[in-house]
Protein backbone atom coordinates (compact mmCIF):
# COMPACT_ATOMS: atom_id res chain seq x y z
CA MET A 1 -116.32 244.84 -19.63
CA ARG A 2 -118.96 242.34 -18.07
CA SER A 3 -122.36 241.93 -18.60
CA ALA A 4 -124.92 245.09 -18.87
CA ARG A 5 -127.30 242.76 -16.52
CA ARG A 6 -128.53 244.53 -13.41
CA LEU A 7 -127.67 243.30 -9.71
CA ASP A 8 -130.08 242.17 -7.66
CA ILE A 9 -129.33 242.38 -3.45
CA PRO A 10 -128.29 239.36 -3.63
CA ALA A 11 -125.60 239.36 -5.79
CA VAL A 12 -124.92 242.78 -4.38
CA PRO A 13 -122.02 240.66 -2.04
CA GLY A 14 -120.38 239.48 -4.64
CA ALA A 15 -119.99 242.35 -7.11
CA PHE A 16 -118.11 243.71 -3.50
CA ASP A 17 -115.59 241.24 -3.37
CA THR A 18 -114.62 241.62 -7.15
CA ALA A 19 -114.13 245.67 -6.14
CA ALA A 20 -112.52 245.23 -3.05
CA ASP A 21 -108.79 246.18 -4.31
CA ARG A 22 -110.54 249.08 -5.71
CA TYR A 23 -112.80 250.13 -3.20
CA ASP A 24 -110.58 252.07 -0.80
CA ALA A 25 -109.06 254.56 -3.87
CA LEU A 26 -112.92 254.92 -5.02
CA VAL A 27 -113.77 256.00 -2.05
CA GLY A 28 -110.66 257.80 -0.99
CA ALA A 29 -111.47 260.04 -3.67
CA ASN A 30 -114.54 261.20 -2.08
CA PRO A 31 -114.57 264.67 -1.03
CA GLY A 32 -115.70 264.05 2.82
CA TYR A 33 -116.45 260.17 2.93
CA HIS A 34 -114.39 259.63 6.23
CA ALA A 35 -114.97 262.55 7.86
CA ALA A 36 -118.65 261.96 7.46
CA LEU A 37 -118.28 258.36 8.70
CA ARG A 38 -116.32 259.79 11.46
CA GLU A 39 -118.92 262.00 12.72
CA SER A 40 -121.71 259.72 12.64
CA ALA A 41 -119.22 257.47 14.98
CA ARG A 42 -119.60 260.78 17.31
CA ARG A 43 -123.29 260.05 16.91
CA LEU A 44 -122.83 257.30 18.81
CA GLY A 45 -122.02 259.33 21.99
CA LEU A 46 -120.01 257.08 23.47
CA ALA A 47 -118.04 258.36 26.58
CA GLY A 48 -114.24 259.65 26.87
CA ASP A 49 -112.30 256.72 24.70
CA GLY A 50 -115.10 254.21 24.91
CA ALA A 51 -113.27 251.92 26.84
CA GLY A 52 -115.74 249.05 28.04
CA ALA A 53 -117.54 249.65 25.06
CA ARG A 54 -118.91 246.83 23.01
CA VAL A 55 -119.88 248.34 19.72
CA LEU A 56 -120.85 245.91 16.25
CA ASP A 57 -119.81 247.62 12.92
CA LEU A 58 -122.25 246.36 10.88
CA GLY A 59 -121.23 246.50 7.07
CA CYS A 60 -117.68 247.03 7.83
CA GLY A 61 -117.14 246.30 3.83
CA THR A 62 -112.63 247.13 4.09
CA GLY A 63 -112.60 248.52 7.32
CA ALA A 64 -113.54 252.36 6.51
CA SER A 65 -116.35 252.27 9.25
CA THR A 66 -114.61 250.08 11.65
CA ALA A 67 -111.00 252.85 11.54
CA ALA A 68 -114.51 255.39 12.10
CA LEU A 69 -115.50 254.18 15.23
CA LEU A 70 -111.89 253.57 16.52
CA ALA A 71 -111.33 257.54 15.78
CA VAL A 72 -113.73 258.47 18.16
CA ALA A 73 -113.61 255.83 20.48
CA PRO A 74 -109.72 254.41 20.35
CA LYS A 75 -110.47 251.76 23.44
CA ALA A 76 -113.98 250.22 22.51
CA THR A 77 -114.03 246.45 21.13
CA ILE A 78 -115.63 246.13 18.43
CA VAL A 79 -116.89 243.53 15.77
CA ALA A 80 -117.03 244.47 11.91
CA VAL A 81 -119.35 242.33 10.28
CA ASP A 82 -119.98 241.80 5.89
CA ALA A 83 -121.26 239.53 3.48
CA SER A 84 -118.20 240.39 0.93
CA ALA A 85 -115.69 237.43 1.78
CA GLY A 86 -113.48 239.92 -0.37
CA MET A 87 -114.00 243.33 1.15
CA LEU A 88 -112.86 241.79 4.81
CA ALA A 89 -109.92 240.18 3.29
CA ARG A 90 -109.24 243.45 2.29
CA ALA A 91 -110.14 244.95 5.94
CA ARG A 92 -107.96 242.37 7.76
CA THR A 93 -104.49 243.03 5.85
CA LYS A 94 -105.06 246.53 7.38
CA ARG A 95 -103.28 246.90 10.75
CA TRP A 96 -105.53 246.27 14.20
CA PRO A 97 -105.72 246.92 17.66
CA GLY A 98 -106.57 243.08 19.19
CA SER A 99 -109.96 244.72 20.26
CA VAL A 100 -110.72 244.35 16.67
CA THR A 101 -112.53 241.24 15.47
CA PHE A 102 -114.18 240.74 11.42
CA ARG A 103 -117.01 238.26 10.61
CA HIS A 104 -117.89 237.19 7.07
CA ALA A 105 -121.93 237.13 7.16
CA ARG A 106 -124.65 238.07 5.86
CA ALA A 107 -126.86 241.29 7.79
CA GLU A 108 -129.96 238.83 7.73
CA ALA A 109 -127.74 236.21 9.09
CA LEU A 110 -126.54 237.51 12.86
CA SER A 111 -127.39 235.73 15.41
CA GLU A 112 -125.62 233.06 13.90
CA ALA A 113 -122.20 235.12 13.13
CA LEU A 114 -122.38 236.81 16.53
CA SER A 115 -123.13 233.06 18.70
CA GLU A 116 -119.99 232.35 17.16
CA ALA A 117 -117.92 235.41 18.21
CA LEU A 118 -118.93 235.15 21.57
CA SER A 119 -118.21 230.97 22.01
CA GLU A 120 -114.50 232.17 20.73
CA ALA A 121 -114.18 235.24 22.06
CA PRO A 122 -112.01 235.09 25.29
CA PRO A 123 -113.69 236.48 28.88
CA GLU A 124 -111.33 239.72 28.55
CA ALA A 125 -112.32 240.61 25.16
CA GLY A 126 -116.26 241.80 26.81
CA LEU A 127 -118.39 240.37 23.91
CA ASP A 128 -121.31 238.75 26.62
CA GLY A 129 -124.33 239.85 26.47
CA PRO A 130 -126.11 242.80 24.65
CA PHE A 131 -123.95 245.66 22.22
CA ASP A 132 -123.48 249.30 24.25
CA ALA A 133 -123.99 250.69 20.38
CA VAL A 134 -123.99 249.38 17.51
CA PHE A 135 -123.30 251.55 13.76
CA ALA A 136 -123.95 250.42 10.26
CA ALA A 137 -123.08 253.01 7.28
CA TYR A 138 -124.22 252.00 4.28
CA LEU A 139 -126.02 249.16 4.39
CA VAL A 140 -129.89 249.16 5.04
CA ARG A 141 -130.45 249.69 1.43
CA ASN A 142 -128.83 246.56 0.30
CA VAL A 143 -130.86 244.42 2.31
CA ALA A 144 -133.51 242.53 1.26
CA ASP A 145 -136.01 243.05 4.83
CA PRO A 146 -134.89 246.27 5.99
CA ASP A 147 -137.18 246.13 8.60
CA ALA A 148 -136.64 242.68 9.87
CA LEU A 149 -132.75 243.92 9.98
CA LEU A 150 -134.02 246.38 11.79
CA SER A 151 -135.93 244.68 14.07
CA ASN A 152 -132.83 241.96 15.02
CA VAL A 153 -130.98 245.08 14.96
CA LEU A 154 -132.67 246.11 18.47
CA GLY A 155 -132.55 242.87 19.90
CA LEU A 156 -128.64 243.37 20.22
CA LEU A 157 -128.59 246.49 22.44
CA ARG A 158 -129.16 246.59 25.87
CA PRO A 159 -131.66 249.01 27.22
CA GLY A 160 -130.21 252.80 26.07
CA ALA A 161 -128.07 252.45 23.66
CA PRO A 162 -127.92 253.48 20.19
CA LEU A 163 -128.08 252.81 16.88
CA VAL A 164 -126.57 254.88 13.87
CA VAL A 165 -127.27 254.62 10.64
CA HIS A 166 -125.00 256.21 7.62
CA GLU A 167 -127.02 256.52 4.92
CA TYR A 168 -127.78 257.45 1.39
CA SER A 169 -131.75 259.08 1.07
CA VAL A 170 -132.53 261.12 -1.57
CA ARG A 171 -135.78 260.89 -2.34
CA ASP A 172 -137.31 263.50 -0.06
CA SER A 173 -135.85 266.29 -2.25
CA ALA A 174 -135.80 266.70 -6.08
CA LEU A 175 -132.49 268.43 -5.95
CA ALA A 176 -130.51 266.22 -4.34
CA ARG A 177 -131.78 263.53 -6.67
CA ALA A 178 -130.34 265.24 -9.69
CA ILE A 179 -127.39 265.52 -7.48
CA TRP A 180 -127.22 262.57 -6.87
CA SER A 181 -127.43 261.24 -10.54
CA LEU A 182 -125.69 263.96 -11.62
CA VAL A 183 -122.33 262.75 -9.41
CA CYS A 184 -122.83 259.20 -10.10
CA TRP A 185 -123.10 259.56 -13.97
CA THR A 186 -120.36 261.89 -14.55
CA VAL A 187 -117.74 260.60 -11.65
CA ILE A 188 -118.88 257.52 -9.68
CA ILE A 189 -119.85 255.47 -12.23
CA PRO A 190 -117.12 256.19 -15.08
CA ALA A 191 -114.07 256.05 -12.23
CA GLY A 192 -115.48 252.58 -11.05
CA THR A 193 -116.16 251.39 -14.60
CA LEU A 194 -112.38 252.64 -15.26
CA ALA A 195 -111.23 251.04 -12.06
CA THR A 196 -112.72 247.87 -12.04
CA ARG A 197 -114.03 247.10 -15.77
CA ASP A 198 -117.57 246.07 -14.50
CA HIS A 199 -120.23 249.18 -13.99
CA ARG A 200 -122.69 246.68 -12.69
CA LEU A 201 -122.00 247.83 -8.80
CA PHE A 202 -122.03 251.16 -9.53
CA THR A 203 -125.16 251.69 -11.29
CA TYR A 204 -126.64 249.54 -8.63
CA LEU A 205 -124.87 251.82 -6.01
CA TRP A 206 -126.99 254.98 -7.72
CA ARG A 207 -130.35 253.41 -8.30
CA SER A 208 -130.17 251.55 -5.05
CA VAL A 209 -129.90 255.16 -3.65
CA ILE A 210 -132.67 256.75 -5.94
CA ARG A 211 -135.28 253.63 -4.97
CA PHE A 212 -134.29 253.86 -0.74
CA ASP A 213 -136.61 255.49 1.76
CA GLY A 214 -136.22 259.10 2.23
CA ALA A 215 -134.97 260.37 5.50
CA ALA A 216 -138.91 260.82 6.61
CA ARG A 217 -139.89 257.37 5.67
CA PHE A 218 -136.86 255.86 7.16
CA ARG A 219 -137.33 257.80 11.04
CA GLU A 220 -140.86 256.37 10.52
CA ARG A 221 -139.05 252.46 9.70
CA LEU A 222 -136.86 253.17 12.91
CA ARG A 223 -139.83 254.03 15.28
CA GLY A 224 -141.74 250.82 13.64
CA ALA A 225 -139.27 248.81 14.26
CA GLY A 226 -139.28 250.03 18.12
CA PHE A 227 -136.67 252.70 18.21
CA ALA A 228 -136.98 255.25 20.57
CA ASP A 229 -135.52 258.98 19.95
CA VAL A 230 -135.66 258.91 16.46
CA ALA A 231 -133.64 262.40 14.43
CA SER A 232 -131.55 262.60 11.58
CA THR A 233 -128.82 265.30 10.49
CA THR A 234 -127.71 265.83 7.04
CA PHE A 235 -124.07 266.87 6.18
CA GLY A 236 -122.46 269.92 4.46
CA GLY A 237 -121.25 269.86 0.84
CA TRP A 238 -121.80 268.29 -2.34
CA GLN A 239 -123.75 265.74 0.70
CA ARG A 240 -126.27 268.39 1.79
CA GLY A 241 -129.79 266.14 1.55
CA ILE A 242 -127.83 262.80 -0.17
CA VAL A 243 -125.81 261.65 2.69
CA HIS A 244 -127.33 261.24 6.25
CA THR A 245 -127.21 260.43 10.14
CA PHE A 246 -129.28 258.40 11.58
CA VAL A 247 -130.43 257.92 15.34
CA GLY A 248 -132.26 255.58 17.48
CA ARG A 249 -132.07 253.78 21.04
CA ARG A 250 -133.26 250.89 22.71
CA ALA A 251 -135.75 251.96 25.21
CA GLY A 252 -134.95 251.54 28.78
CA ALA A 253 -132.01 253.24 31.02
CA ARG A 254 -128.78 253.13 30.55
């Protein structure tokens, strides 16, 4: 068992590096995990099969969010970014269409990573210009300055284009906090510790969700960053009031 020292935000990507090989199995045991990601991806509102759309997948991890995007928009061009080299290495072992590009970067350094992606992409890749949509799953509570991140993302979207954030948020509900803590301490933390022999990432997960914005506060944060038409929904089952889809758009006509 590793040191009991708590993780802080800069150390989180390294902890994901360590857990990468077992991460898919752990989240696969979570009922509704992948279905909820697909439902949030649908909230991007990409037309038809997504042909011609340029989508940024922030915090792609081992590719679960990327797969959700492809399930709802199989012809979209996707740039998938994550700060964990280990998670990206795991993602790259999977079979992906040529329209998917993976980049290693912290969300706070998006501009540099995307400039590199644009410079290397062939013209037919369709990566020139702003993105038609941004998807961020389980990311925002893991960055040190979420307001700066959201402002950065706003600038990457073309007018009228959506941001969808798929995230845990329990602060608005005592019941949701209690259920989240129960699930973490009876299932997630024991299972994660058994699989990786290191409890820190999983206790960090519990703590980061407890500390994160309530849904109302996060909607305010999106509006403060300049997003319009902000709304959110939650899911059914044990995830009700715990996992949310947040939607906002860059103002302007499509």
